[in-house]
Amino acid sequence: MKLMKILAVGAHPDDIEFGCGGTLFKYTAKGHRAYLMIMTRGDQGGKPEVRAREQTDSQAILGVEHIFWSDYQDTKLVVDKEMINKIEAVIAQVNPDFILTHFPYDTHQDHRHLAQATISATRYIQNVMFFEGPTTQNFTPNVYVDISAELKTKIEALMAHPSQIGKTNIEDMSIVELARSTANFRGIQGRVKYAEAFSSLRLFINV
């Protein structure tokens, strides 16, 4: 079995856990190598040092090998050559087989802009897929990963971000409840109990 390297690119701490935490753990548990690139420390949603520490706690739960931090300010990501170059530099260092990032249609400008920059930075990468988050819009997935066995770990990784659990802007709903409901809905679509769903920019199936 060829061991693969997966790079997940997120705007803020906990974005990746919601979007593809179960998938990352499913791969790392089988010996594949996962890396995170996180563009901000989420300073608009809490103290940056706290959020960075929470991300490190989650990293250990998911079996992620390394976090590449960028020092952009929360809510101020812009699509420019500098950001594209930074993503390209991490891609060159990791040489990933798969890249996972935000879906381009999103009401949060950081998610939207990061997706656009990543599309440019991954123009020579074969396998690029978009994950969904709580603010994603018009998401139509065409790839599903069964995370029925990994849901517990995905939830543990989200709970490693205690400063964010209640910040859904939905009354009486935590990020854990939202993630579980989303995984259940995508699982029903894919005919399993729980799933994470992706929209592929490019996906090669090699025999």
N, C-alpha and C. Protein backbone atom coordinates (compact mmCIF):
# COMPACT_ATOMS: atom_id res chain seq x y z
N MET A 1 0.83 -1.20 0.00
CA MET A 1 0.00 0.00 0.00
C MET A 1 0.87 1.25 0.00
N LYS A 2 0.62 2.13 -0.94
CA LYS A 2 1.36 3.39 -0.98
C LYS A 2 0.85 4.31 0.11
N LEU A 3 1.75 4.84 0.93
CA LEU A 3 1.36 5.81 1.93
C LEU A 3 1.24 7.18 1.29
N MET A 4 0.15 7.86 1.59
CA MET A 4 -0.13 9.15 0.98
C MET A 4 0.10 10.29 1.96
N LYS A 5 0.25 11.47 1.39
CA LYS A 5 0.36 12.69 2.17
C LYS A 5 -0.83 13.59 1.82
N ILE A 6 -1.48 14.08 2.86
CA ILE A 6 -2.67 14.91 2.69
C ILE A 6 -2.41 16.26 3.35
N LEU A 7 -2.70 17.32 2.61
CA LEU A 7 -2.57 18.67 3.15
C LEU A 7 -3.95 19.31 3.21
N ALA A 8 -4.37 19.69 4.40
CA ALA A 8 -5.63 20.41 4.57
C ALA A 8 -5.32 21.87 4.85
N VAL A 9 -5.97 22.77 4.11
CA VAL A 9 -5.72 24.21 4.21
C VAL A 9 -6.97 24.88 4.75
N GLY A 10 -6.85 25.55 5.90
CA GLY A 10 -8.00 26.19 6.53
C GLY A 10 -7.71 27.62 6.92
N ALA A 11 -8.75 28.40 7.02
CA ALA A 11 -8.59 29.82 7.36
C ALA A 11 -8.36 30.04 8.85
N HIS A 12 -9.03 29.24 9.70
CA HIS A 12 -9.00 29.46 11.15
C HIS A 12 -8.84 28.13 11.88
N PRO A 13 -8.36 28.16 13.11
CA PRO A 13 -8.40 26.95 13.94
C PRO A 13 -9.83 26.42 14.03
N ASP A 14 -10.00 25.16 13.91
CA ASP A 14 -11.23 24.35 13.97
C ASP A 14 -11.99 24.26 12.66
N ASP A 15 -11.64 25.05 11.64
CA ASP A 15 -12.30 24.92 10.33
C ASP A 15 -12.08 23.54 9.73
N ILE A 16 -10.85 23.07 9.80
CA ILE A 16 -10.50 21.79 9.19
C ILE A 16 -11.16 20.64 9.93
N GLU A 17 -11.21 20.71 11.25
CA GLU A 17 -11.85 19.64 12.02
C GLU A 17 -13.31 19.47 11.59
N PHE A 18 -14.01 20.58 11.43
CA PHE A 18 -15.41 20.50 11.02
C PHE A 18 -15.52 19.92 9.62
N GLY A 19 -14.68 20.41 8.72
CA GLY A 19 -14.83 20.03 7.32
C GLY A 19 -14.33 18.65 6.97
N CYS A 20 -13.21 18.24 7.56
CA CYS A 20 -12.62 16.96 7.13
C CYS A 20 -11.85 16.25 8.23
N GLY A 21 -12.16 16.54 9.50
CA GLY A 21 -11.45 15.92 10.60
C GLY A 21 -11.57 14.40 10.62
N GLY A 22 -12.74 13.90 10.31
CA GLY A 22 -12.94 12.44 10.29
C GLY A 22 -12.14 11.78 9.19
N THR A 23 -12.10 12.42 8.04
CA THR A 23 -11.34 11.89 6.91
C THR A 23 -9.85 11.88 7.22
N LEU A 24 -9.35 12.98 7.79
CA LEU A 24 -7.93 13.02 8.14
C LEU A 24 -7.57 11.90 9.11
N PHE A 25 -8.40 11.71 10.14
CA PHE A 25 -8.10 10.67 11.12
C PHE A 25 -8.20 9.28 10.49
N LYS A 26 -9.15 9.10 9.58
CA LYS A 26 -9.27 7.80 8.92
C LYS A 26 -7.97 7.44 8.20
N TYR A 27 -7.35 8.44 7.61
CA TYR A 27 -6.10 8.21 6.89
C TYR A 27 -4.90 8.08 7.83
N THR A 28 -4.79 8.96 8.81
CA THR A 28 -3.63 8.87 9.70
C THR A 28 -3.64 7.58 10.51
N ALA A 29 -4.83 7.09 10.85
CA ALA A 29 -4.92 5.84 11.61
C ALA A 29 -4.40 4.65 10.81
N LYS A 30 -4.33 4.80 9.49
CA LYS A 30 -3.81 3.74 8.63
C LYS A 30 -2.39 4.02 8.17
N GLY A 31 -1.74 5.00 8.80
CA GLY A 31 -0.34 5.25 8.53
C GLY A 31 -0.04 6.34 7.52
N HIS A 32 -1.08 6.92 6.92
CA HIS A 32 -0.86 8.02 5.99
C HIS A 32 -0.50 9.28 6.76
N ARG A 33 0.11 10.22 6.09
CA ARG A 33 0.63 11.42 6.75
C ARG A 33 -0.25 12.63 6.42
N ALA A 34 -0.64 13.37 7.45
CA ALA A 34 -1.51 14.53 7.27
C ALA A 34 -0.82 15.78 7.81
N TYR A 35 -1.06 16.88 7.11
CA TYR A 35 -0.49 18.18 7.47
C TYR A 35 -1.59 19.23 7.39
N LEU A 36 -1.48 20.25 8.24
CA LEU A 36 -2.41 21.36 8.21
C LEU A 36 -1.68 22.64 7.86
N MET A 37 -2.32 23.47 7.06
CA MET A 37 -1.89 24.85 6.87
C MET A 37 -3.03 25.74 7.33
N ILE A 38 -2.78 26.58 8.32
CA ILE A 38 -3.83 27.43 8.90
C ILE A 38 -3.39 28.87 8.77
N MET A 39 -4.24 29.68 8.15
CA MET A 39 -3.81 31.01 7.73
C MET A 39 -3.86 32.05 8.83
N THR A 40 -4.76 31.89 9.82
CA THR A 40 -4.88 32.86 10.92
C THR A 40 -4.97 32.10 12.23
N ARG A 41 -4.78 32.83 13.32
CA ARG A 41 -4.98 32.24 14.64
C ARG A 41 -6.35 32.59 15.22
N GLY A 42 -7.25 33.04 14.35
CA GLY A 42 -8.64 33.25 14.75
C GLY A 42 -8.84 34.29 15.82
N ASP A 43 -8.12 35.42 15.71
CA ASP A 43 -8.14 36.41 16.78
C ASP A 43 -9.47 37.12 16.93
N GLN A 44 -10.33 37.07 15.91
CA GLN A 44 -11.66 37.68 16.05
C GLN A 44 -12.62 36.79 16.85
N GLY A 45 -12.25 35.52 17.02
CA GLY A 45 -13.11 34.60 17.75
C GLY A 45 -12.58 34.21 19.11
N GLY A 46 -11.49 34.85 19.55
CA GLY A 46 -10.90 34.54 20.85
C GLY A 46 -9.45 34.96 20.88
N LYS A 47 -8.79 34.68 22.00
CA LYS A 47 -7.38 35.02 22.13
C LYS A 47 -6.56 34.13 21.21
N PRO A 48 -5.70 34.72 20.37
CA PRO A 48 -4.96 33.90 19.40
C PRO A 48 -4.08 32.84 20.03
N GLU A 49 -3.49 33.14 21.19
CA GLU A 49 -2.65 32.13 21.82
C GLU A 49 -3.47 30.94 22.32
N VAL A 50 -4.71 31.23 22.76
CA VAL A 50 -5.60 30.15 23.20
C VAL A 50 -6.01 29.29 22.01
N ARG A 51 -6.37 29.95 20.94
CA ARG A 51 -6.83 29.22 19.76
C ARG A 51 -5.71 28.39 19.14
N ALA A 52 -4.50 28.91 19.17
CA ALA A 52 -3.36 28.14 18.66
C ALA A 52 -3.10 26.91 19.52
N ARG A 53 -3.23 27.08 20.84
CA ARG A 53 -3.04 25.95 21.74
C ARG A 53 -4.13 24.89 21.53
N GLU A 54 -5.35 25.33 21.34
CA GLU A 54 -6.44 24.40 21.05
C GLU A 54 -6.17 23.62 19.77
N GLN A 55 -5.64 24.31 18.77
CA GLN A 55 -5.34 23.63 17.51
C GLN A 55 -4.26 22.57 17.69
N THR A 56 -3.28 22.86 18.53
CA THR A 56 -2.23 21.88 18.81
C THR A 56 -2.80 20.66 19.53
N ASP A 57 -3.74 20.89 20.44
CA ASP A 57 -4.40 19.76 21.12
C ASP A 57 -5.16 18.90 20.11
N SER A 58 -5.85 19.55 19.20
CA SER A 58 -6.59 18.82 18.17
C SER A 58 -5.66 18.06 17.24
N GLN A 59 -4.53 18.68 16.93
CA GLN A 59 -3.53 18.04 16.07
C GLN A 59 -3.15 16.66 16.61
N ALA A 60 -2.93 16.59 17.91
CA ALA A 60 -2.54 15.31 18.51
C ALA A 60 -3.65 14.28 18.40
N ILE A 61 -4.89 14.70 18.56
CA ILE A 61 -6.03 13.79 18.48
C ILE A 61 -6.16 13.20 17.08
N LEU A 62 -5.95 14.03 16.07
CA LEU A 62 -6.13 13.60 14.68
C LEU A 62 -4.90 12.91 14.10
N GLY A 63 -3.79 12.94 14.83
CA GLY A 63 -2.58 12.31 14.32
C GLY A 63 -1.91 13.09 13.22
N VAL A 64 -2.11 14.40 13.22
CA VAL A 64 -1.53 15.27 12.19
C VAL A 64 -0.04 15.46 12.48
N GLU A 65 0.76 15.40 11.44
CA GLU A 65 2.21 15.45 11.61
C GLU A 65 2.73 16.85 11.92
N HIS A 66 2.18 17.86 11.26
CA HIS A 66 2.74 19.20 11.41
C HIS A 66 1.69 20.24 11.04
N ILE A 67 1.73 21.39 11.71
CA ILE A 67 0.89 22.54 11.36
C ILE A 67 1.78 23.63 10.79
N PHE A 68 1.44 24.10 9.60
CA PHE A 68 2.08 25.27 9.00
C PHE A 68 1.20 26.48 9.28
N TRP A 69 1.68 27.40 10.11
CA TRP A 69 0.92 28.59 10.45
C TRP A 69 1.30 29.75 9.52
N SER A 70 0.30 30.51 9.10
CA SER A 70 0.54 31.82 8.48
C SER A 70 0.01 32.89 9.42
N ASP A 71 0.54 34.06 9.34
CA ASP A 71 0.23 35.09 10.33
C ASP A 71 -0.70 36.18 9.80
N TYR A 72 -1.70 35.76 9.04
CA TYR A 72 -2.70 36.71 8.58
C TYR A 72 -3.65 37.04 9.72
N GLN A 73 -4.27 38.21 9.64
CA GLN A 73 -5.28 38.59 10.63
C GLN A 73 -6.63 38.00 10.26
N ASP A 74 -7.32 37.52 11.26
CA ASP A 74 -8.65 36.98 11.10
C ASP A 74 -9.57 38.01 10.44
N THR A 75 -10.35 37.56 9.47
CA THR A 75 -11.31 38.34 8.67
C THR A 75 -10.65 39.20 7.60
N LYS A 76 -9.32 39.11 7.45
CA LYS A 76 -8.64 40.01 6.51
C LYS A 76 -7.83 39.26 5.45
N LEU A 77 -8.20 38.03 5.17
CA LEU A 77 -7.54 37.33 4.08
C LEU A 77 -7.94 37.95 2.74
N VAL A 78 -6.97 38.15 1.90
CA VAL A 78 -7.25 38.68 0.56
C VAL A 78 -6.54 37.79 -0.47
N VAL A 79 -7.12 37.71 -1.63
CA VAL A 79 -6.53 36.91 -2.70
C VAL A 79 -5.47 37.76 -3.39
N ASP A 80 -4.22 37.42 -3.17
CA ASP A 80 -3.14 38.14 -3.84
C ASP A 80 -1.97 37.18 -4.06
N LYS A 81 -0.96 37.68 -4.74
CA LYS A 81 0.18 36.83 -5.08
C LYS A 81 0.90 36.34 -3.84
N GLU A 82 0.95 37.16 -2.80
CA GLU A 82 1.63 36.75 -1.57
C GLU A 82 1.00 35.51 -0.96
N MET A 83 -0.34 35.51 -0.86
CA MET A 83 -1.01 34.35 -0.27
C MET A 83 -0.83 33.12 -1.15
N ILE A 84 -0.98 33.29 -2.44
CA ILE A 84 -0.79 32.16 -3.35
C ILE A 84 0.61 31.59 -3.22
N ASN A 85 1.60 32.47 -3.14
CA ASN A 85 2.99 32.02 -2.99
C ASN A 85 3.20 31.25 -1.70
N LYS A 86 2.57 31.70 -0.61
CA LYS A 86 2.73 31.01 0.67
C LYS A 86 2.13 29.60 0.61
N ILE A 87 0.99 29.47 -0.02
CA ILE A 87 0.38 28.15 -0.16
C ILE A 87 1.25 27.27 -1.05
N GLU A 88 1.75 27.84 -2.14
CA GLU A 88 2.63 27.09 -3.04
C GLU A 88 3.88 26.60 -2.31
N ALA A 89 4.43 27.43 -1.42
CA ALA A 89 5.64 27.05 -0.69
C ALA A 89 5.40 25.84 0.20
N VAL A 90 4.24 25.82 0.87
CA VAL A 90 3.91 24.66 1.71
C VAL A 90 3.67 23.43 0.85
N ILE A 91 3.01 23.61 -0.28
CA ILE A 91 2.79 22.48 -1.20
C ILE A 91 4.12 21.91 -1.65
N ALA A 92 5.07 22.78 -1.98
CA ALA A 92 6.39 22.31 -2.41
C ALA A 92 7.10 21.55 -1.31
N GLN A 93 6.91 21.98 -0.07
CA GLN A 93 7.56 21.31 1.06
C GLN A 93 6.94 19.96 1.37
N VAL A 94 5.61 19.88 1.32
CA VAL A 94 4.90 18.65 1.68
C VAL A 94 4.83 17.67 0.52
N ASN A 95 4.65 18.19 -0.70
CA ASN A 95 4.42 17.37 -1.89
C ASN A 95 3.23 16.43 -1.68
N PRO A 96 2.05 16.99 -1.42
CA PRO A 96 0.90 16.16 -1.05
C PRO A 96 0.28 15.43 -2.23
N ASP A 97 -0.35 14.29 -1.91
CA ASP A 97 -1.13 13.56 -2.90
C ASP A 97 -2.55 14.11 -3.00
N PHE A 98 -3.05 14.66 -1.90
CA PHE A 98 -4.38 15.26 -1.86
C PHE A 98 -4.30 16.60 -1.14
N ILE A 99 -5.09 17.56 -1.61
CA ILE A 99 -5.25 18.84 -0.90
C ILE A 99 -6.73 19.05 -0.66
N LEU A 100 -7.07 19.41 0.58
CA LEU A 100 -8.45 19.67 1.00
C LEU A 100 -8.53 21.11 1.50
N THR A 101 -9.56 21.82 1.08
CA THR A 101 -9.71 23.21 1.54
C THR A 101 -11.17 23.63 1.48
N HIS A 102 -11.43 24.89 1.83
CA HIS A 102 -12.78 25.44 1.86
C HIS A 102 -13.43 25.44 0.47
N PHE A 103 -14.74 25.37 0.47
CA PHE A 103 -15.53 25.51 -0.75
C PHE A 103 -15.59 26.98 -1.14
N PRO A 104 -15.49 27.30 -2.44
CA PRO A 104 -15.42 28.72 -2.84
C PRO A 104 -16.65 29.56 -2.54
N TYR A 105 -17.82 28.93 -2.39
CA TYR A 105 -19.03 29.70 -2.11
C TYR A 105 -19.31 29.64 -0.61
N ASP A 106 -19.06 30.74 0.07
CA ASP A 106 -19.14 30.77 1.52
C ASP A 106 -19.41 32.20 1.95
N THR A 107 -20.22 32.37 2.98
CA THR A 107 -20.54 33.72 3.44
C THR A 107 -19.43 34.34 4.27
N HIS A 108 -18.44 33.55 4.69
CA HIS A 108 -17.29 34.11 5.40
C HIS A 108 -16.21 34.46 4.39
N GLN A 109 -15.80 35.70 4.37
CA GLN A 109 -14.86 36.15 3.34
C GLN A 109 -13.52 35.43 3.43
N ASP A 110 -13.06 35.08 4.63
CA ASP A 110 -11.79 34.37 4.75
C ASP A 110 -11.85 33.01 4.06
N HIS A 111 -12.95 32.29 4.27
CA HIS A 111 -13.11 30.97 3.64
C HIS A 111 -13.15 31.12 2.12
N ARG A 112 -13.93 32.07 1.67
CA ARG A 112 -14.11 32.30 0.23
C ARG A 112 -12.79 32.69 -0.44
N HIS A 113 -12.08 33.62 0.18
CA HIS A 113 -10.83 34.10 -0.41
C HIS A 113 -9.73 33.04 -0.37
N LEU A 114 -9.69 32.27 0.72
CA LEU A 114 -8.69 31.21 0.80
C LEU A 114 -8.94 30.15 -0.26
N ALA A 115 -10.20 29.82 -0.48
CA ALA A 115 -10.52 28.84 -1.53
C ALA A 115 -10.03 29.33 -2.88
N GLN A 116 -10.26 30.60 -3.17
CA GLN A 116 -9.84 31.15 -4.46
C GLN A 116 -8.32 31.14 -4.61
N ALA A 117 -7.62 31.50 -3.54
CA ALA A 117 -6.16 31.48 -3.59
C ALA A 117 -5.63 30.06 -3.74
N THR A 118 -6.28 29.11 -3.08
CA THR A 118 -5.84 27.72 -3.15
C THR A 118 -6.07 27.14 -4.54
N ILE A 119 -7.14 27.54 -5.20
CA ILE A 119 -7.37 27.10 -6.57
C ILE A 119 -6.19 27.48 -7.46
N SER A 120 -5.70 28.71 -7.30
CA SER A 120 -4.54 29.15 -8.08
C SER A 120 -3.28 28.41 -7.68
N ALA A 121 -3.09 28.24 -6.38
CA ALA A 121 -1.86 27.61 -5.88
C ALA A 121 -1.78 26.12 -6.22
N THR A 122 -2.92 25.49 -6.47
CA THR A 122 -2.96 24.04 -6.73
C THR A 122 -3.18 23.73 -8.21
N ARG A 123 -2.88 24.66 -9.08
CA ARG A 123 -3.19 24.47 -10.50
C ARG A 123 -2.44 23.30 -11.12
N TYR A 124 -1.34 22.84 -10.49
CA TYR A 124 -0.61 21.70 -11.00
C TYR A 124 -0.78 20.45 -10.14
N ILE A 125 -1.71 20.50 -9.19
CA ILE A 125 -1.94 19.37 -8.28
C ILE A 125 -3.11 18.53 -8.82
N GLN A 126 -2.93 17.22 -8.81
CA GLN A 126 -3.96 16.36 -9.40
C GLN A 126 -5.23 16.29 -8.57
N ASN A 127 -5.09 16.07 -7.27
CA ASN A 127 -6.26 15.80 -6.43
C ASN A 127 -6.53 16.94 -5.46
N VAL A 128 -7.59 17.72 -5.75
CA VAL A 128 -7.96 18.87 -4.92
C VAL A 128 -9.46 18.78 -4.66
N MET A 129 -9.82 18.82 -3.39
CA MET A 129 -11.24 18.72 -3.03
C MET A 129 -11.60 19.79 -2.01
N PHE A 130 -12.84 20.22 -2.07
CA PHE A 130 -13.36 21.24 -1.17
C PHE A 130 -14.23 20.58 -0.10
N PHE A 131 -14.06 21.04 1.15
CA PHE A 131 -14.94 20.58 2.23
C PHE A 131 -15.94 21.67 2.57
N GLU A 132 -16.94 21.31 3.35
CA GLU A 132 -17.97 22.28 3.74
C GLU A 132 -17.79 22.69 5.19
N GLY A 133 -18.33 23.86 5.51
CA GLY A 133 -18.33 24.36 6.88
C GLY A 133 -19.69 24.93 7.21
N PRO A 134 -19.85 25.43 8.41
CA PRO A 134 -21.17 25.96 8.82
C PRO A 134 -21.66 27.13 7.98
N THR A 135 -20.76 27.86 7.30
CA THR A 135 -21.17 29.02 6.51
C THR A 135 -21.08 28.78 5.01
N THR A 136 -20.88 27.52 4.62
CA THR A 136 -20.83 27.17 3.19
C THR A 136 -22.21 27.33 2.56
N GLN A 137 -22.21 27.77 1.31
CA GLN A 137 -23.45 27.96 0.56
C GLN A 137 -23.42 27.12 -0.72
N ASN A 138 -24.59 26.62 -1.12
CA ASN A 138 -24.76 25.95 -2.42
C ASN A 138 -23.77 24.79 -2.62
N PHE A 139 -23.57 24.03 -1.58
CA PHE A 139 -22.61 22.93 -1.63
C PHE A 139 -23.26 21.69 -2.23
N THR A 140 -22.71 21.21 -3.33
CA THR A 140 -23.21 20.01 -3.98
C THR A 140 -22.08 19.00 -4.06
N PRO A 141 -21.98 18.10 -3.11
CA PRO A 141 -20.84 17.17 -3.07
C PRO A 141 -20.93 16.08 -4.12
N ASN A 142 -19.78 15.58 -4.52
CA ASN A 142 -19.73 14.43 -5.41
C ASN A 142 -18.76 13.35 -4.93
N VAL A 143 -18.19 13.56 -3.73
CA VAL A 143 -17.30 12.58 -3.11
C VAL A 143 -17.71 12.44 -1.65
N TYR A 144 -17.81 11.20 -1.18
CA TYR A 144 -18.20 10.95 0.22
C TYR A 144 -17.18 10.03 0.87
N VAL A 145 -16.90 10.29 2.15
CA VAL A 145 -16.03 9.43 2.95
C VAL A 145 -16.83 8.95 4.16
N ASP A 146 -16.94 7.65 4.31
CA ASP A 146 -17.66 7.07 5.45
C ASP A 146 -16.83 7.29 6.71
N ILE A 147 -17.35 8.08 7.64
CA ILE A 147 -16.64 8.33 8.90
C ILE A 147 -17.44 7.79 10.09
N SER A 148 -18.24 6.77 9.84
CA SER A 148 -19.04 6.21 10.93
C SER A 148 -18.16 5.76 12.09
N ALA A 149 -17.01 5.16 11.78
CA ALA A 149 -16.10 4.69 12.83
C ALA A 149 -15.23 5.81 13.38
N GLU A 150 -15.15 6.92 12.64
CA GLU A 150 -14.26 8.01 13.02
C GLU A 150 -14.99 9.21 13.62
N LEU A 151 -16.32 9.16 13.67
CA LEU A 151 -17.07 10.33 14.15
C LEU A 151 -16.69 10.71 15.57
N LYS A 152 -16.50 9.72 16.43
CA LYS A 152 -16.15 10.01 17.82
C LYS A 152 -14.86 10.82 17.90
N THR A 153 -13.87 10.46 17.10
CA THR A 153 -12.60 11.19 17.11
C THR A 153 -12.77 12.58 16.50
N LYS A 154 -13.57 12.70 15.46
CA LYS A 154 -13.86 14.02 14.89
C LYS A 154 -14.46 14.94 15.94
N ILE A 155 -15.40 14.42 16.72
CA ILE A 155 -16.04 15.21 17.77
C ILE A 155 -15.03 15.56 18.86
N GLU A 156 -14.16 14.63 19.21
CA GLU A 156 -13.12 14.92 20.20
C GLU A 156 -12.20 16.04 19.72
N ALA A 157 -11.89 16.03 18.44
CA ALA A 157 -11.02 17.07 17.88
C ALA A 157 -11.72 18.43 17.92
N LEU A 158 -13.01 18.46 17.65
CA LEU A 158 -13.76 19.72 17.75
C LEU A 158 -13.84 20.19 19.20
N MET A 159 -14.01 19.25 20.13
CA MET A 159 -14.10 19.61 21.54
C MET A 159 -12.76 20.06 22.10
N ALA A 160 -11.69 19.81 21.37
CA ALA A 160 -10.38 20.34 21.77
C ALA A 160 -10.29 21.84 21.55
N HIS A 161 -11.34 22.41 20.94
CA HIS A 161 -11.46 23.86 20.75
C HIS A 161 -12.59 24.39 21.64
N PRO A 162 -12.45 24.31 22.97
CA PRO A 162 -13.57 24.68 23.85
C PRO A 162 -14.00 26.13 23.72
N SER A 163 -13.11 27.01 23.30
CA SER A 163 -13.48 28.42 23.17
C SER A 163 -14.47 28.65 22.03
N GLN A 164 -14.64 27.65 21.16
CA GLN A 164 -15.46 27.83 19.96
C GLN A 164 -16.74 27.01 19.95
N ILE A 165 -16.91 26.15 20.92
CA ILE A 165 -18.00 25.17 20.85
C ILE A 165 -19.38 25.83 20.73
N GLY A 166 -19.59 26.94 21.43
CA GLY A 166 -20.90 27.57 21.42
C GLY A 166 -21.08 28.64 20.36
N LYS A 167 -20.08 28.85 19.50
CA LYS A 167 -20.11 29.99 18.57
C LYS A 167 -20.61 29.57 17.19
N THR A 168 -21.90 29.22 17.13
CA THR A 168 -22.50 28.84 15.85
C THR A 168 -23.48 29.89 15.32
N ASN A 169 -23.83 30.86 16.15
CA ASN A 169 -24.88 31.83 15.80
C ASN A 169 -26.22 31.17 15.55
N ILE A 170 -26.39 29.95 16.07
CA ILE A 170 -27.68 29.26 16.02
C ILE A 170 -28.07 28.98 17.46
N GLU A 171 -29.22 29.46 17.87
CA GLU A 171 -29.62 29.36 19.26
C GLU A 171 -29.67 27.92 19.73
N ASP A 172 -29.05 27.66 20.87
CA ASP A 172 -29.07 26.36 21.52
C ASP A 172 -28.45 25.24 20.68
N MET A 173 -27.54 25.58 19.77
CA MET A 173 -26.86 24.55 18.99
C MET A 173 -25.36 24.77 19.05
N SER A 174 -24.64 23.76 19.51
CA SER A 174 -23.18 23.84 19.58
C SER A 174 -22.57 23.39 18.26
N ILE A 175 -21.28 23.68 18.10
CA ILE A 175 -20.58 23.24 16.90
C ILE A 175 -20.53 21.72 16.83
N VAL A 176 -20.54 21.06 17.99
CA VAL A 176 -20.55 19.59 18.03
C VAL A 176 -21.87 19.06 17.48
N GLU A 177 -22.98 19.66 17.91
CA GLU A 177 -24.29 19.23 17.40
C GLU A 177 -24.38 19.47 15.90
N LEU A 178 -23.88 20.61 15.46
CA LEU A 178 -23.93 20.95 14.04
C LEU A 178 -23.08 19.98 13.21
N ALA A 179 -21.91 19.64 13.71
CA ALA A 179 -21.04 18.71 12.99
C ALA A 179 -21.66 17.32 12.93
N ARG A 180 -22.25 16.88 14.03
CA ARG A 180 -22.89 15.56 14.06
C ARG A 180 -24.08 15.51 13.09
N SER A 181 -24.88 16.57 13.10
CA SER A 181 -26.04 16.62 12.20
C SER A 181 -25.61 16.63 10.73
N THR A 182 -24.56 17.41 10.44
CA THR A 182 -24.06 17.47 9.07
C THR A 182 -23.53 16.11 8.63
N ALA A 183 -22.78 15.45 9.50
CA ALA A 183 -22.24 14.12 9.17
C ALA A 183 -23.36 13.11 8.97
N ASN A 184 -24.41 13.22 9.74
CA ASN A 184 -25.56 12.32 9.60
C ASN A 184 -26.27 12.57 8.27
N PHE A 185 -26.48 13.85 7.94
CA PHE A 185 -27.14 14.20 6.68
C PHE A 185 -26.33 13.72 5.49
N ARG A 186 -25.03 13.97 5.50
CA ARG A 186 -24.20 13.53 4.38
C ARG A 186 -24.11 12.00 4.34
N GLY A 187 -24.15 11.37 5.52
CA GLY A 187 -24.18 9.92 5.54
C GLY A 187 -25.43 9.37 4.90
N ILE A 188 -26.58 9.97 5.18
CA ILE A 188 -27.83 9.54 4.56
C ILE A 188 -27.74 9.67 3.04
N GLN A 189 -27.16 10.77 2.57
CA GLN A 189 -26.99 10.94 1.13
C GLN A 189 -26.12 9.83 0.55
N GLY A 190 -25.07 9.44 1.28
CA GLY A 190 -24.14 8.43 0.79
C GLY A 190 -24.50 7.02 1.21
N ARG A 191 -25.62 6.84 1.89
CA ARG A 191 -26.13 5.54 2.32
C ARG A 191 -25.26 4.87 3.37
N VAL A 192 -24.70 5.71 4.26
CA VAL A 192 -24.02 5.20 5.45
C VAL A 192 -24.54 6.02 6.63
N LYS A 193 -24.08 5.70 7.84
CA LYS A 193 -24.61 6.43 8.99
C LYS A 193 -24.04 7.84 9.09
N TYR A 194 -22.72 7.96 8.97
CA TYR A 194 -22.08 9.27 9.06
C TYR A 194 -21.04 9.40 7.95
N ALA A 195 -20.99 10.58 7.34
CA ALA A 195 -20.02 10.80 6.27
C ALA A 195 -19.55 12.24 6.27
N GLU A 196 -18.39 12.46 5.68
CA GLU A 196 -17.96 13.79 5.28
C GLU A 196 -18.05 13.85 3.77
N ALA A 197 -18.46 15.00 3.27
CA ALA A 197 -18.69 15.15 1.84
C ALA A 197 -17.75 16.20 1.27
N PHE A 198 -17.40 16.01 0.01
CA PHE A 198 -16.47 16.90 -0.66
C PHE A 198 -16.96 17.19 -2.08
N SER A 199 -16.55 18.33 -2.56
CA SER A 199 -16.76 18.68 -3.97
C SER A 199 -15.39 18.73 -4.62
N SER A 200 -15.20 17.99 -5.69
CA SER A 200 -13.87 17.87 -6.27
C SER A 200 -13.61 18.96 -7.31
N LEU A 201 -12.46 19.61 -7.17
CA LEU A 201 -11.96 20.45 -8.24
C LEU A 201 -11.32 19.59 -9.31
N ARG A 202 -10.49 18.65 -8.87
CA ARG A 202 -9.92 17.59 -9.72
C ARG A 202 -9.77 16.36 -8.86
N LEU A 203 -10.08 15.21 -9.43
CA LEU A 203 -9.92 13.96 -8.72
C LEU A 203 -9.55 12.88 -9.70
N PHE A 204 -8.33 12.34 -9.56
CA PHE A 204 -7.86 11.27 -10.44
C PHE A 204 -8.11 9.93 -9.79
N ILE A 205 -8.70 9.03 -10.53
CA ILE A 205 -8.91 7.66 -10.08
C ILE A 205 -8.01 6.78 -10.94
N ASN A 206 -6.95 6.27 -10.34
CA ASN A 206 -5.96 5.51 -11.10
C ASN A 206 -6.07 4.03 -10.78
N VAL A 207 -6.04 3.20 -11.81
CA VAL A 207 -6.14 1.75 -11.66
C VAL A 207 -4.75 1.14 -11.91
